[in-house]
């Protein structure tokens, strides 16, 4: 399609195809959400330092892109992602047809100097490249917050809330008219925005326009491919100067590398120019990680690496043979049979933080009995894990003050009420077991919120 118009008007080697421009726009639109995601992941680890930056991401990103795009426009003649595709921005001549093919062939360097962006053109392009996307993101976000629900639920939703109160302040009036604009005018403006982009793209595709965007038409700038003269100028501009970085220091500036003017002339341009290598490298890394997690190669590799490895069972220091010993059944009363069911299970769960076994109880077969006290449940209370206990039993267990917990940690094996069967041993189990404080008495899972998450069961 890019050669369709060239069959009649001749081939323009410096004119980029529409598909190159659309690819560049797609890459540029993927940068903000990718950086926001990486910043959100880092904020989970360091919220104290990065939370404010994440909350003001649009403003911080616009400021950074203003610095980056200004450097690339002044040095390479194009934007950050445009330079990755070998594109540049140039002014459009006020001549018939906007082209000078003979001068372009005979004196490309002079034509480049004539068409390169001036300072005023750079700032106009920055307004289109940075200011317009920032404004579009804020309007889209405001529409989703203030107007999307009203369009879905109907005009009568929150009618009293959205009316302007009498004697409203300037801020209230501004918010009222801003929401009114988002609900009634912005959908039409947004539709006109995309329709104008579509019309200019079609006109550019069939060589009816030199601009692929209406905003470039407003500022008189178009996108072109980099030529030989452009590459020679860029090579001279980015070539490191002979001598030390501070060789060009003026009198009174000092020869220190950390002087503000020396930093602005050496470190700042080199740091921004290094982004040319960072962009393709990051794209390759992201594509590689996407393939690695999507394919079965990683799982097969890890499976083959662990096929010949025989891992021994974990050894927990501090456990003795008497730890898991069960008491000998004495009488055949129902109470003692029930009590034998509440002995510590032979395979207790292990705490992830301390790597110590957690004291738990085995629930009785009769669901009408409390797993902790093995008596009929009074004031049934459910834990988030689904097990039902007596209110006093589970409340004391979560707080770590239940008599069975105290007896087990002390190693006495006998509670204050005289119950047996909790693995008596010589010495305390303090530091070798966790008492189950803050956990479910049956599963050993942590109850986030402590006793606040316990719920009474209405029978």
Protein backbone atom coordinates (compact mmCIF):
# COMPACT_ATOMS: atom_id res chain seq x y z
CA UNK A 1 0.00 0.00 0.00
CA UNK A 2 2.86 2.43 0.60
CA UNK A 3 3.86 2.22 -3.10
CA UNK A 4 0.33 2.72 -4.42
CA UNK A 5 0.69 6.46 -4.93
CA UNK A 6 4.29 6.12 -6.11
CA UNK A 7 3.18 4.46 -9.33
CA UNK A 8 1.84 7.81 -10.49
CA UNK A 9 3.92 10.46 -8.71
CA UNK A 10 7.28 8.70 -8.38
CA UNK A 11 8.90 7.04 -5.41
CA UNK A 12 9.63 9.20 -2.37
CA UNK A 13 12.26 7.33 -0.40
CA UNK A 14 12.07 9.65 2.61
CA UNK A 15 8.32 9.30 3.10
CA UNK A 16 7.53 6.70 5.80
CA UNK A 17 4.65 4.33 5.29
CA UNK A 18 1.51 4.56 7.36
CA UNK A 19 2.29 1.22 8.98
CA UNK A 20 5.61 2.54 10.27
CA UNK A 21 3.83 5.52 11.80
CA UNK A 22 1.15 3.33 13.39
CA UNK A 23 3.82 1.00 14.82
CA UNK A 24 5.63 3.97 16.32
CA UNK A 25 2.40 5.26 17.87
CA UNK A 26 1.63 1.83 19.31
CA UNK A 27 5.09 1.60 20.87
CA UNK A 28 4.76 5.09 22.32
CA UNK A 29 1.36 4.28 23.83
CA UNK A 30 2.75 1.15 25.53
CA UNK A 31 5.39 3.06 27.50
CA UNK A 32 3.11 4.69 30.16
CA UNK A 33 1.25 1.52 31.26
CA UNK A 34 4.49 -0.50 31.28
CA UNK A 35 6.28 2.05 33.46
CA UNK A 36 3.24 2.37 35.72
CA UNK A 37 3.18 -1.41 36.23
CA UNK A 38 6.88 -1.55 37.09
CA UNK A 39 6.44 1.38 39.49
CA UNK A 40 3.44 -0.32 41.14
CA UNK A 41 5.46 -3.50 41.70
CA UNK A 42 8.31 -1.51 43.23
CA UNK A 43 5.87 0.46 45.39
CA UNK A 44 4.71 -2.74 47.10
CA UNK A 45 8.27 -3.20 48.40
CA UNK A 46 9.06 0.44 49.19
CA UNK A 47 5.71 2.21 49.71
CA UNK A 48 7.22 4.89 51.93
CA UNK A 49 9.30 6.33 49.10
CA UNK A 50 7.36 5.47 45.94
CA UNK A 51 3.69 5.81 46.91
CA UNK A 52 3.57 9.55 46.25
CA UNK A 53 5.26 9.08 42.88
CA UNK A 54 2.75 6.38 41.93
CA UNK A 55 -0.19 8.59 42.92
CA UNK A 56 1.20 11.40 40.71
CA UNK A 57 2.41 9.13 37.91
CA UNK A 58 0.85 11.12 35.05
CA UNK A 59 2.51 14.35 36.13
CA UNK A 60 5.89 12.72 36.79
CA UNK A 61 5.79 10.86 33.47
CA UNK A 62 4.86 14.02 31.56
CA UNK A 63 7.75 15.93 33.15
CA UNK A 64 10.27 13.17 32.36
CA UNK A 65 9.04 12.81 28.78
CA UNK A 66 9.26 16.57 28.36
CA UNK A 67 12.99 16.40 29.15
CA UNK A 68 13.58 13.27 27.06
CA UNK A 69 11.60 14.39 24.01
CA UNK A 70 13.18 17.86 24.04
CA UNK A 71 16.66 16.31 24.03
CA UNK A 72 15.80 13.93 21.18
CA UNK A 73 14.12 16.64 19.10
CA UNK A 74 17.10 18.96 19.42
CA UNK A 75 19.75 16.25 18.91
CA UNK A 76 18.20 13.69 16.57
CA UNK A 77 15.37 15.70 15.00
CA UNK A 78 12.68 13.26 16.17
CA UNK A 79 11.02 11.87 19.25
CA UNK A 80 12.26 9.07 21.48
CA UNK A 81 10.30 6.25 19.84
CA UNK A 82 10.47 7.93 16.42
CA UNK A 83 14.26 7.74 16.47
CA UNK A 84 13.95 4.00 17.17
CA UNK A 85 12.14 3.63 13.81
CA UNK A 86 14.58 5.94 11.99
CA UNK A 87 12.12 8.83 11.71
CA UNK A 88 12.51 12.57 12.18
CA UNK A 89 10.31 15.67 12.24
CA UNK A 90 10.77 18.55 9.84
CA UNK A 91 8.98 21.74 8.91
CA UNK A 92 6.81 21.83 5.81
CA UNK A 93 7.79 24.28 3.08
CA UNK A 94 5.33 26.98 2.13
CA UNK A 95 5.68 26.10 -1.53
CA UNK A 96 3.43 24.46 -4.06
CA UNK A 97 3.41 20.75 -3.38
CA UNK A 98 5.59 21.22 -0.28
CA UNK A 99 8.43 19.40 -2.06
CA UNK A 100 11.79 20.38 -3.59
CA UNK A 101 12.95 17.16 -5.26
CA UNK A 102 15.85 18.69 -7.23
CA UNK A 103 17.25 20.52 -4.22
CA UNK A 104 16.82 17.37 -2.15
CA UNK A 105 18.98 15.43 -4.60
CA UNK A 106 21.55 18.14 -5.25
CA UNK A 107 22.06 19.68 -1.80
CA UNK A 108 20.54 17.45 0.90
CA UNK A 109 22.57 19.07 3.69
CA UNK A 110 21.28 22.55 2.82
CA UNK A 111 17.72 21.28 2.60
CA UNK A 112 18.09 19.61 5.99
CA UNK A 113 19.35 22.83 7.62
CA UNK A 114 16.43 24.70 6.10
CA UNK A 115 13.76 22.22 7.19
CA UNK A 116 15.07 21.33 10.66
CA UNK A 117 12.98 22.30 13.65
CA UNK A 118 13.57 25.70 15.22
CA UNK A 119 13.14 26.40 18.92
CA UNK A 120 9.54 27.49 18.44
CA UNK A 121 8.83 24.36 16.38
CA UNK A 122 10.37 22.19 19.11
CA UNK A 123 8.04 23.59 21.76
CA UNK A 124 4.99 23.22 19.50
CA UNK A 125 5.92 19.60 18.87
CA UNK A 126 6.41 19.04 22.59
CA UNK A 127 2.89 20.35 23.19
CA UNK A 128 1.57 17.74 20.73
CA UNK A 129 3.83 14.88 21.87
CA UNK A 130 3.63 15.39 25.65
CA UNK A 131 0.88 17.87 26.53
CA UNK A 132 -1.86 16.42 24.32
CA UNK A 133 -1.46 12.76 25.51
CA UNK A 134 -1.36 13.96 29.13
CA UNK A 135 -4.58 15.94 28.67
CA UNK A 136 -6.20 12.97 26.90
CA UNK A 137 -5.31 10.58 29.74
CA UNK A 138 -6.67 12.94 32.40
CA UNK A 139 -9.92 13.48 30.50
CA UNK A 140 -10.39 9.74 29.97
CA UNK A 141 -9.74 9.12 33.65
CA UNK A 142 -12.17 11.86 34.66
CA UNK A 143 -14.82 10.48 32.30
CA UNK A 144 -14.50 6.99 33.81
CA UNK A 145 -14.87 8.42 37.33
CA UNK A 146 -17.56 11.08 36.93
CA UNK A 147 -19.49 10.32 33.76
CA UNK A 148 -19.34 6.63 32.81
CA UNK A 149 -21.66 5.50 35.64
CA UNK A 150 -24.19 8.23 34.79
CA UNK A 151 -24.37 7.13 31.15
CA UNK A 152 -24.88 3.50 32.16
CA UNK A 153 -27.38 4.00 34.99
CA UNK A 154 -29.36 6.75 33.30
CA UNK A 155 -29.75 10.51 33.68
CA UNK A 156 -31.72 10.20 36.93
CA UNK A 157 -28.84 8.68 38.90
CA UNK A 158 -27.50 11.02 41.61
CA UNK A 159 -29.49 13.93 40.22
CA UNK A 160 -29.59 15.74 43.55
CA UNK A 161 -25.91 15.14 44.18
CA UNK A 162 -24.83 16.67 40.88
CA UNK A 163 -26.82 19.88 41.15
CA UNK A 164 -25.01 23.12 41.88
CA UNK A 165 -25.80 24.25 45.45
CA UNK A 166 -26.72 27.88 46.06
CA UNK A 167 -23.81 30.08 47.02
CA UNK A 168 -21.28 27.61 45.67
CA UNK A 169 -17.61 28.46 45.75
CA UNK A 170 -15.37 28.81 42.69
CA UNK A 171 -14.01 25.28 43.17
CA UNK A 172 -17.52 23.81 43.37
CA UNK A 173 -18.57 25.67 40.25
CA UNK A 174 -15.49 24.47 38.39
CA UNK A 175 -16.14 20.84 39.37
CA UNK A 176 -19.81 21.15 38.41
CA UNK A 177 -19.09 22.48 34.92
CA UNK A 178 -16.20 20.02 34.51
CA UNK A 179 -18.51 17.05 35.20
CA UNK A 180 -21.16 18.57 32.94
CA UNK A 181 -18.57 18.85 30.16
CA UNK A 182 -17.50 15.23 30.64
CA UNK A 183 -21.07 13.95 30.45
CA UNK A 184 -22.50 16.03 27.63
CA UNK A 185 -19.68 17.33 25.43
CA UNK A 186 -16.62 15.12 25.90
CA UNK A 187 -18.09 12.01 24.19
CA UNK A 188 -18.61 14.07 21.03
CA UNK A 189 -15.16 15.62 21.31
CA UNK A 190 -13.60 12.18 21.78
CA UNK A 191 -15.46 10.82 18.75
CA UNK A 192 -14.35 13.80 16.64
CA UNK A 193 -10.76 13.21 17.81
CA UNK A 194 -10.69 9.62 16.57
CA UNK A 195 -12.61 10.38 13.37
CA UNK A 196 -10.13 13.13 12.48
CA UNK A 197 -7.22 10.74 13.06
CA UNK A 198 -8.89 8.16 10.82
CA UNK A 199 -9.53 10.72 8.07
CA UNK A 200 -5.93 11.97 8.08
CA UNK A 201 -4.58 8.40 8.13
CA UNK A 202 -6.62 7.48 5.08
CA UNK A 203 -5.60 10.68 3.30
CA UNK A 204 -1.95 10.01 4.09
CA UNK A 205 -2.25 6.40 2.92
CA UNK A 206 -3.53 7.45 -0.51
CA UNK A 207 -1.04 10.36 -0.74
CA UNK A 208 -3.72 13.01 -0.46
CA UNK A 209 -2.07 14.67 2.53
CA UNK A 210 1.46 15.18 3.82
CA UNK A 211 0.27 14.81 7.41
CA UNK A 212 -0.94 11.64 9.10
CA UNK A 213 -2.33 13.57 12.08
CA UNK A 214 -4.47 16.71 12.29
CA UNK A 215 -2.29 18.09 15.09
CA UNK A 216 0.84 17.90 12.94
CA UNK A 217 -1.10 19.78 10.28
CA UNK A 218 -1.90 22.52 12.81
CA UNK A 219 1.76 23.03 13.77
CA UNK A 220 3.10 22.59 10.23
CA UNK A 221 5.30 19.54 10.92
CA UNK A 222 5.51 16.17 9.22
CA UNK A 223 7.41 12.91 9.78
CA UNK A 224 10.16 11.80 7.40
CA UNK A 225 12.80 9.09 7.27
CA UNK A 226 16.34 9.89 8.28
CA UNK A 227 18.66 10.40 5.31
CA UNK A 228 22.43 10.25 4.85
CA UNK A 229 22.82 13.90 5.76
CA UNK A 230 20.85 13.34 8.97
CA UNK A 231 23.01 10.41 10.03
CA UNK A 232 26.20 12.40 9.42
CA UNK A 233 24.96 15.30 11.53
CA UNK A 234 23.80 12.96 14.32
CA UNK A 235 27.16 11.19 14.34
CA UNK A 236 28.99 14.50 14.70
CA UNK A 237 26.60 15.67 17.44
CA UNK A 238 26.93 12.50 19.50
CA UNK A 239 30.66 11.99 18.97
CA UNK A 240 32.55 12.44 22.27
CA UNK A 241 34.86 15.41 22.30
CA UNK A 242 38.59 14.97 22.58
CA UNK A 243 40.14 15.43 26.01
CA UNK A 244 38.47 15.37 29.37
CA UNK A 245 34.76 16.03 29.84
CA UNK A 246 35.51 19.33 31.51
CA UNK A 247 37.97 20.56 28.92
CA UNK A 248 35.52 23.22 27.78
CA UNK A 249 34.93 24.66 31.25
CA UNK A 250 34.68 28.42 31.29
CA UNK A 251 36.67 30.61 33.67
CA UNK A 252 35.19 30.49 37.14
CA UNK A 253 33.26 27.25 36.54
CA UNK A 254 35.93 24.94 37.95
CA UNK A 255 37.14 21.67 36.58
CA UNK A 256 34.94 19.40 38.69
CA UNK A 257 32.79 16.88 36.87
CA UNK A 258 29.95 17.51 39.34
CA UNK A 259 29.69 21.21 38.53
CA UNK A 260 26.10 21.94 37.37
CA UNK A 261 27.17 23.30 33.98
CA UNK A 262 29.56 20.43 33.38
CA UNK A 263 26.84 17.97 34.31
CA UNK A 264 24.47 19.66 31.88
CA UNK A 265 26.99 19.48 29.03
CA UNK A 266 28.31 15.94 29.58
CA UNK A 267 26.36 13.64 31.88
CA UNK A 268 22.83 14.78 31.03
CA UNK A 269 23.10 14.35 27.21
CA UNK A 270 24.90 11.01 27.52
CA UNK A 271 22.34 9.72 29.99
CA UNK A 272 19.44 10.59 27.70
CA UNK A 273 21.23 9.26 24.62
CA UNK A 274 21.73 5.91 26.37
CA UNK A 275 17.95 5.44 26.23
CA UNK A 276 18.40 4.58 22.54
CA UNK A 277 20.04 1.33 23.63
CA UNK A 278 17.77 0.81 26.63
CA UNK A 279 14.56 0.78 24.57
CA UNK A 280 15.41 -2.13 22.20
CA UNK A 281 17.08 -4.02 25.05
CA UNK A 282 14.02 -3.71 27.27
CA UNK A 283 11.72 -4.76 24.41
CA UNK A 284 13.84 -7.86 23.81
CA UNK A 285 13.88 -8.66 27.53
CA UNK A 286 10.11 -8.29 27.87
CA UNK A 287 9.47 -10.46 24.82
CA UNK A 288 11.86 -13.09 26.14
CA UNK A 289 10.12 -13.14 29.56
CA UNK A 290 6.73 -13.33 27.87
CA UNK A 291 7.88 -16.33 25.83
CA UNK A 292 9.53 -17.95 28.86
CA UNK A 293 6.37 -17.83 30.99
CA UNK A 294 3.99 -18.68 28.14
CA UNK A 295 5.92 -21.70 26.79
CA UNK A 296 6.33 -25.11 28.37
CA UNK A 297 10.11 -25.00 27.99
CA UNK A 298 10.70 -23.53 31.47
CA UNK A 299 8.58 -26.20 33.18
CA UNK A 300 10.26 -29.01 31.24
CA UNK A 301 13.69 -27.65 32.09
CA UNK A 302 12.94 -27.41 35.81
CA UNK A 303 11.39 -30.90 35.77
CA UNK A 304 14.45 -32.44 34.13
CA UNK A 305 16.77 -30.65 36.55
CA UNK A 306 14.99 -32.16 39.56
CA UNK A 307 14.44 -35.68 38.23
CA UNK A 308 17.65 -37.14 39.67
CA UNK A 309 17.56 -35.25 42.95
CA UNK A 310 16.30 -37.13 45.97
CA UNK A 311 15.45 -34.75 48.74
CA UNK A 312 15.57 -36.17 52.29
CA UNK A 313 12.68 -35.48 54.66
CA UNK A 314 13.01 -32.22 56.60
CA UNK A 315 14.69 -32.44 59.98
CA UNK A 316 13.24 -30.18 62.67
CA UNK A 317 15.54 -29.49 65.58
CA UNK A 318 14.08 -29.79 69.07
CA UNK A 319 11.57 -32.55 68.40
CA UNK A 320 11.79 -35.70 70.51
CA UNK A 321 10.06 -39.01 70.41
CA UNK A 322 7.91 -38.03 73.35
CA UNK A 323 6.63 -34.98 71.55
CA UNK A 324 4.13 -36.87 69.48
CA UNK A 325 3.50 -39.67 71.98
CA UNK A 326 -0.11 -40.41 72.67
CA UNK A 327 -1.35 -41.20 76.15
CA UNK A 328 -2.29 -44.71 77.01
CA UNK A 329 -6.04 -45.19 77.20
CA UNK A 330 -7.09 -45.97 80.74
CA UNK A 331 -10.79 -45.98 81.40
CA UNK A 332 -13.36 -46.57 78.72
CA UNK A 333 -15.48 -43.63 79.57
CA UNK A 334 -16.88 -41.50 76.77
CA UNK A 335 -15.13 -38.39 78.06
CA UNK A 336 -11.68 -40.00 77.90
CA UNK A 337 -12.34 -41.36 74.42
CA UNK A 338 -13.27 -37.93 73.24
CA UNK A 339 -10.20 -36.50 74.96
CA UNK A 340 -7.91 -38.90 73.13
CA UNK A 341 -9.14 -37.44 69.83
CA UNK A 342 -7.84 -34.00 70.77
CA UNK A 343 -4.19 -35.02 71.17
CA UNK A 344 -1.66 -33.19 69.02
CA UNK A 345 -1.69 -34.71 65.50
CA UNK A 346 1.45 -36.62 64.43
CA UNK A 347 2.14 -34.26 61.50
CA UNK A 348 1.73 -30.69 62.75
CA UNK A 349 1.91 -27.76 60.28
CA UNK A 350 5.16 -25.82 60.13
CA UNK A 351 5.23 -22.03 60.51
CA UNK A 352 6.66 -20.30 57.45
CA UNK A 353 8.38 -17.53 59.42
CA UNK A 354 9.90 -19.40 62.37
CA UNK A 355 9.98 -22.92 60.82
CA UNK A 356 8.60 -24.30 64.10
CA UNK A 357 5.75 -26.83 64.44
CA UNK A 358 2.39 -25.31 65.34
CA UNK A 359 0.19 -26.69 68.08
CA UNK A 360 -3.11 -27.86 66.61
CA UNK A 361 -5.94 -30.18 67.62
CA UNK A 362 -7.69 -32.94 65.71
CA UNK A 363 -11.42 -32.26 65.36
CA UNK A 364 -13.66 -35.02 66.80
CA UNK A 365 -15.86 -37.11 64.58
CA UNK A 366 -18.92 -35.69 66.31
CA UNK A 367 -19.43 -32.21 64.90
CA UNK A 368 -21.51 -31.12 67.88
CA UNK A 369 -18.38 -31.16 70.07
CA UNK A 370 -15.84 -28.35 70.29
CA UNK A 371 -12.46 -29.42 68.84
CA UNK A 372 -10.61 -27.65 71.67
CA UNK A 373 -12.48 -28.59 74.85
CA UNK A 374 -14.18 -31.72 73.36
CA UNK A 375 -17.42 -30.72 75.08
CA UNK A 376 -20.75 -29.84 73.51
CA UNK A 377 -20.41 -26.49 71.77
CA UNK A 378 -21.79 -23.54 73.68
CA UNK A 379 -22.22 -20.20 71.93
CA UNK A 380 -21.03 -21.59 68.58
CA UNK A 381 -18.48 -19.37 66.88
CA UNK A 382 -17.01 -19.94 63.39
CA UNK A 383 -13.47 -19.13 62.32
CA UNK A 384 -12.66 -18.01 58.73
CA UNK A 385 -11.33 -21.54 58.10
CA UNK A 386 -14.85 -22.99 58.51
CA UNK A 387 -14.50 -24.81 61.84
CA UNK A 388 -16.94 -24.09 64.68
CA UNK A 389 -15.80 -23.80 68.31
CA UNK A 390 -17.07 -22.60 71.64
CA UNK A 391 -16.77 -18.85 71.77
CA UNK A 392 -14.62 -18.80 74.90
CA UNK A 393 -12.36 -21.61 73.63
CA UNK A 394 -11.52 -20.11 70.24
CA UNK A 395 -11.27 -16.58 71.67
CA UNK A 396 -8.72 -17.67 74.28
CA UNK A 397 -6.92 -19.85 71.73
CA UNK A 398 -6.45 -16.96 69.28
CA UNK A 399 -5.24 -14.75 72.12
CA UNK A 400 -2.85 -17.54 73.23
CA UNK A 401 -4.20 -17.85 76.80
CA UNK A 402 -6.09 -21.13 76.58
CA UNK A 403 -5.19 -23.55 79.40
CA UNK A 404 -4.40 -26.36 76.97
CA UNK A 405 -1.91 -24.14 75.15
CA UNK A 406 -0.27 -23.11 78.40
CA UNK A 407 -0.06 -26.75 79.59
CA UNK A 408 1.46 -27.91 76.32
CA UNK A 409 4.09 -25.15 76.10
CA UNK A 410 5.04 -25.66 79.76
CA UNK A 411 5.42 -29.41 79.14
CA UNK A 412 3.34 -30.44 82.12
CA UNK A 413 0.79 -32.32 80.05
CA UNK A 414 -1.92 -31.51 82.61
CA UNK A 415 -4.28 -28.55 82.45
CA UNK A 416 -5.66 -26.64 85.40
CA UNK A 417 -8.84 -28.68 85.24
CA UNK A 418 -6.85 -31.94 85.50
CA UNK A 419 -7.20 -33.11 81.86
CA UNK A 420 -4.45 -35.38 80.55
CA UNK A 421 -3.23 -36.18 77.08
CA UNK A 422 -1.18 -33.23 75.85
CA UNK A 423 2.22 -34.90 75.58
CA UNK A 424 3.93 -34.42 78.92
CA UNK A 425 7.70 -34.14 78.81
CA UNK A 426 10.48 -32.83 80.96
CA UNK A 427 11.17 -29.17 80.32
CA UNK A 428 9.37 -26.42 78.49
CA UNK A 429 8.59 -26.38 74.77
CA UNK A 430 9.10 -22.62 74.58
CA UNK A 431 11.14 -21.80 71.46
CA UNK A 432 10.60 -25.26 69.98
CA UNK A 433 6.87 -25.03 69.31
CA UNK A 434 4.39 -22.31 68.47
CA UNK A 435 1.39 -22.26 70.77
CA UNK A 436 -1.05 -21.46 67.95
CA UNK A 437 -1.61 -17.88 69.07
CA UNK A 438 -3.37 -15.91 66.35
CA UNK A 439 -4.11 -19.10 64.37
CA UNK A 440 -6.95 -21.52 63.80
CA UNK A 441 -6.86 -24.33 66.37
CA UNK A 442 -7.45 -27.06 63.74
CA UNK A 443 -5.62 -25.93 60.59
CA UNK A 444 -2.96 -23.67 62.10
CA UNK A 445 -3.66 -20.93 59.56
CA UNK A 446 -3.11 -17.33 60.56
CA UNK A 447 -6.34 -15.42 61.26
CA UNK A 448 -5.79 -11.95 59.88
CA UNK A 449 -7.46 -9.58 62.30
CA UNK A 450 -7.23 -11.89 65.32
CA UNK A 451 -10.40 -12.25 67.34
CA UNK A 452 -12.14 -9.61 65.20
CA UNK A 453 -12.70 -12.13 62.39
CA UNK A 454 -14.57 -14.63 64.62
CA UNK A 455 -18.29 -14.79 63.81
CA UNK A 456 -21.14 -16.06 65.97
CA UNK A 457 -23.24 -18.81 64.42
CA UNK A 458 -27.00 -18.38 64.71
CA UNK A 459 -28.67 -21.76 65.08
